[in-house]
Amino acid sequence: MNTYHDVFVEQLVRRERPGGEFLFRCGAVLIGLLLLALAYLLAGPFFPFFFALVVILEFFAFVYTVKEFEYSFTSGDVDVDMIQGRRRRRTQLSFPCKSVTLMAPVEGHEAELGGQFTKTVDASISKKAEGRWFIVTQREDGSRELLILNPNERLLAAFKGYLGRRMEYTLPSTHRDTAE
């Protein structure tokens, strides 16, 4: 295991929009148009105020439905943040690689995902996306956490350097260690 070098890898993943989001946006536009028509008929001189209010509400309805995840790997420490509306950031999970008990692709390892976890974070592109991985961590208090993500090759190589045999994956020949 080569842990002498500082490693910083960051990846931003945008959550795919399900069909429900499209329906929500269409409904928001229709409700906005109905409110504007109603305000035009009833509000008279206050119509510009209602127009501005509906435009602001539509803006927030469209912007805050965008969800992104940022994976940060810094010398063995992992942080997963959720970013909503490209403005609001919340840390979903943070752990050192020492606490990782297993990292493997989701495909073919569905049985491991059925265990008891105190916290489960799905930070992947979608539930049907290819290249999904899961990480199981064990905290000092005995609680287990599950993280599902879509790492790129740089992030996988960084994990491989710190996890070693706890990672069930062989890197492509361009990144493979010669000591193995």
Protein backbone atom coordinates (compact mmCIF):
# COMPACT_ATOMS: atom_id res chain seq x y z
CA MET A 1 0.00 0.00 0.00
CA ASN A 2 1.41 3.35 -1.01
CA THR A 3 0.23 5.98 1.48
CA TYR A 4 3.21 8.32 1.38
CA HIS A 5 1.85 10.72 -1.22
CA ASP A 6 -0.85 13.31 -0.68
CA VAL A 7 -3.79 12.52 -2.92
CA PHE A 8 -6.66 14.83 -3.77
CA VAL A 9 -9.36 13.71 -6.17
CA GLU A 10 -12.70 15.43 -6.59
CA GLN A 11 -15.63 14.40 -8.75
CA LEU A 12 -18.96 16.11 -9.36
CA VAL A 13 -21.91 13.90 -10.37
CA ARG A 14 -25.29 15.22 -11.41
CA ARG A 15 -28.29 13.14 -10.39
CA GLU A 16 -30.32 12.13 -13.43
CA ARG A 17 -33.73 13.67 -13.51
CA PRO A 18 -36.51 11.14 -13.16
CA GLY A 19 -39.75 11.51 -15.12
CA GLY A 20 -41.49 12.86 -12.02
CA GLU A 21 -39.34 15.98 -12.09
CA PHE A 22 -40.43 16.75 -15.65
CA LEU A 23 -44.07 16.40 -14.63
CA PHE A 24 -43.45 18.63 -11.60
CA ARG A 25 -41.96 21.34 -13.80
CA CYS A 26 -44.82 21.17 -16.32
CA GLY A 27 -47.31 21.39 -13.47
CA ALA A 28 -45.47 24.37 -11.98
CA VAL A 29 -45.62 26.20 -15.32
CA LEU A 30 -49.34 25.47 -15.73
CA ILE A 31 -50.14 26.59 -12.17
CA GLY A 32 -48.04 29.71 -12.72
CA LEU A 33 -49.96 30.55 -15.90
CA LEU A 34 -53.29 29.98 -14.14
CA LEU A 35 -52.22 32.22 -11.25
CA LEU A 36 -51.15 34.93 -13.69
CA ALA A 37 -54.47 34.76 -15.54
CA LEU A 38 -56.36 34.93 -12.24
CA ALA A 39 -54.21 37.84 -11.04
CA TYR A 40 -54.75 39.68 -14.34
CA LEU A 41 -58.50 39.37 -13.99
CA LEU A 42 -58.79 40.13 -10.26
CA ALA A 43 -55.75 42.16 -9.17
CA GLY A 44 -55.93 45.02 -11.66
CA PRO A 45 -53.18 47.53 -10.72
CA PHE A 46 -51.40 44.94 -8.51
CA PHE A 47 -50.80 42.60 -11.45
CA PRO A 48 -47.06 43.50 -11.79
CA PHE A 49 -46.52 42.48 -8.15
CA PHE A 50 -48.21 39.10 -8.71
CA PHE A 51 -46.33 38.65 -11.99
CA ALA A 52 -42.97 39.15 -10.21
CA LEU A 53 -44.04 36.81 -7.41
CA VAL A 54 -44.98 34.01 -9.83
CA VAL A 55 -41.73 34.44 -11.79
CA ILE A 56 -39.68 34.17 -8.59
CA LEU A 57 -41.59 31.06 -7.49
CA GLU A 58 -41.07 29.46 -10.93
CA PHE A 59 -37.35 30.24 -10.72
CA PHE A 60 -37.02 28.45 -7.38
CA ALA A 61 -39.13 25.53 -8.61
CA PHE A 62 -36.76 25.02 -11.56
CA VAL A 63 -33.42 25.68 -9.84
CA TYR A 64 -33.92 23.69 -6.65
CA THR A 65 -34.91 20.49 -8.40
CA VAL A 66 -31.30 20.09 -9.65
CA LYS A 67 -29.31 17.77 -7.37
CA GLU A 68 -25.58 17.09 -7.61
CA PHE A 69 -23.15 15.08 -5.52
CA GLU A 70 -19.50 15.90 -4.94
CA TYR A 71 -17.07 13.16 -3.96
CA SER A 72 -13.86 14.43 -2.36
CA PHE A 73 -10.97 12.09 -1.61
CA THR A 74 -8.16 13.75 0.35
CA SER A 75 -5.27 11.51 1.45
CA GLY A 76 -7.54 8.73 2.68
CA ASP A 77 -10.43 10.88 3.92
CA VAL A 78 -13.68 10.78 1.97
CA ASP A 79 -16.40 13.45 1.96
CA VAL A 80 -19.67 13.18 0.05
CA ASP A 81 -21.68 16.40 -0.27
CA MET A 82 -25.08 16.96 -1.82
CA ILE A 83 -25.50 20.24 -3.70
CA GLN A 84 -29.04 21.44 -4.38
CA GLY A 85 -29.74 24.26 -6.78
CA ARG A 86 -25.99 24.74 -7.35
CA ARG A 87 -25.94 26.76 -4.12
CA ARG A 88 -26.87 24.76 -1.07
CA ARG A 89 -24.28 22.23 0.11
CA ARG A 90 -24.84 19.58 2.76
CA THR A 91 -22.38 16.94 3.86
CA GLN A 92 -24.03 13.54 3.50
CA LEU A 93 -21.21 11.31 4.70
CA SER A 94 -17.61 11.71 5.81
CA PHE A 95 -15.22 8.92 6.79
CA PRO A 96 -11.56 7.87 6.72
CA CYS A 97 -10.53 4.95 4.51
CA LYS A 98 -9.43 3.09 7.66
CA SER A 99 -13.12 2.57 8.50
CA VAL A 100 -13.96 0.97 5.12
CA THR A 101 -14.62 -2.75 5.39
CA LEU A 102 -15.61 -3.37 1.77
CA MET A 103 -15.77 -1.54 -1.55
CA ALA A 104 -17.13 -3.33 -4.61
CA PRO A 105 -19.29 -2.82 -7.70
CA VAL A 106 -23.03 -3.00 -6.99
CA GLU A 107 -23.57 -5.36 -9.90
CA GLY A 108 -23.08 -8.89 -8.62
CA HIS A 109 -22.96 -7.88 -4.94
CA GLU A 110 -26.62 -7.12 -4.26
CA ALA A 111 -26.62 -9.49 -1.25
CA GLU A 112 -24.19 -7.26 0.68
CA LEU A 113 -26.52 -4.28 0.24
CA GLY A 114 -29.31 -5.96 2.18
CA GLY A 115 -27.63 -5.77 5.58
CA GLN A 116 -28.43 -3.55 8.55
CA PHE A 117 -26.97 -0.06 8.20
CA THR A 118 -27.44 2.94 10.47
CA LYS A 119 -27.13 5.29 7.50
CA THR A 120 -27.52 4.70 3.77
CA VAL A 121 -26.55 7.37 1.24
CA ASP A 122 -27.28 6.87 -2.46
CA ALA A 123 -25.06 9.45 -4.16
CA SER A 124 -25.12 7.75 -7.54
CA ILE A 125 -26.32 9.14 -10.86
CA SER A 126 -29.43 6.95 -10.75
CA LYS A 127 -30.49 3.54 -9.52
CA LYS A 128 -30.16 2.15 -13.06
CA ALA A 129 -26.80 3.77 -13.95
CA GLU A 130 -23.85 1.62 -14.92
CA GLY A 131 -20.66 1.75 -12.91
CA ARG A 132 -22.30 2.00 -9.48
CA TRP A 133 -20.13 1.06 -6.50
CA PHE A 134 -20.86 0.64 -2.84
CA ILE A 135 -18.73 1.28 0.23
CA VAL A 136 -19.44 -0.22 3.66
CA THR A 137 -17.89 1.59 6.62
CA GLN A 138 -17.63 0.49 10.23
CA ARG A 139 -17.59 3.32 12.82
CA GLU A 140 -15.82 3.11 16.18
CA ASP A 141 -19.17 2.71 17.96
CA GLY A 142 -19.94 -0.38 15.87
CA SER A 143 -22.47 1.26 13.53
CA ARG A 144 -22.24 0.47 9.82
CA GLU A 145 -22.89 2.90 6.97
CA LEU A 146 -23.51 2.29 3.29
CA LEU A 147 -22.53 4.65 0.47
CA ILE A 148 -23.50 4.07 -3.16
CA LEU A 149 -21.66 6.17 -5.75
CA ASN A 150 -20.48 6.41 -9.37
CA PRO A 151 -16.71 6.94 -9.17
CA ASN A 152 -14.55 7.68 -12.20
CA GLU A 153 -11.21 5.91 -12.85
CA ARG A 154 -9.14 8.54 -10.99
CA LEU A 155 -11.25 8.15 -7.88
CA LEU A 156 -11.13 4.34 -8.13
CA ALA A 157 -7.33 4.50 -8.42
CA ALA A 158 -7.16 6.71 -5.32
CA PHE A 159 -9.33 4.27 -3.37
CA LYS A 160 -7.23 1.33 -4.56
CA GLY A 161 -4.09 2.96 -3.18
CA TYR A 162 -5.60 3.24 0.29
CA LEU A 163 -7.90 0.21 0.50
CA GLY A 164 -5.78 -2.51 -1.05
CA ARG A 165 -7.51 -5.89 -0.62
CA ARG A 166 -10.65 -4.39 0.91
CA MET A 167 -11.53 -3.27 -2.61
CA GLU A 168 -12.88 -5.98 -4.91
CA TYR A 169 -11.68 -4.54 -8.18
CA THR A 170 -8.77 -4.79 -10.58
CA LEU A 171 -7.63 -1.51 -12.07
CA PRO A 172 -7.06 -1.28 -15.83
CA SER A 173 -3.54 -2.20 -16.97
CA THR A 174 -2.51 1.48 -17.18
CA HIS A 175 -3.07 1.90 -13.41
CA ARG A 176 -2.23 -1.58 -12.12
CA ASP A 177 0.41 -1.86 -9.41
CA THR A 178 3.40 -4.00 -10.35
CA ALA A 179 3.74 -5.33 -6.79
CA GLU A 180 0.50 -7.32 -6.97
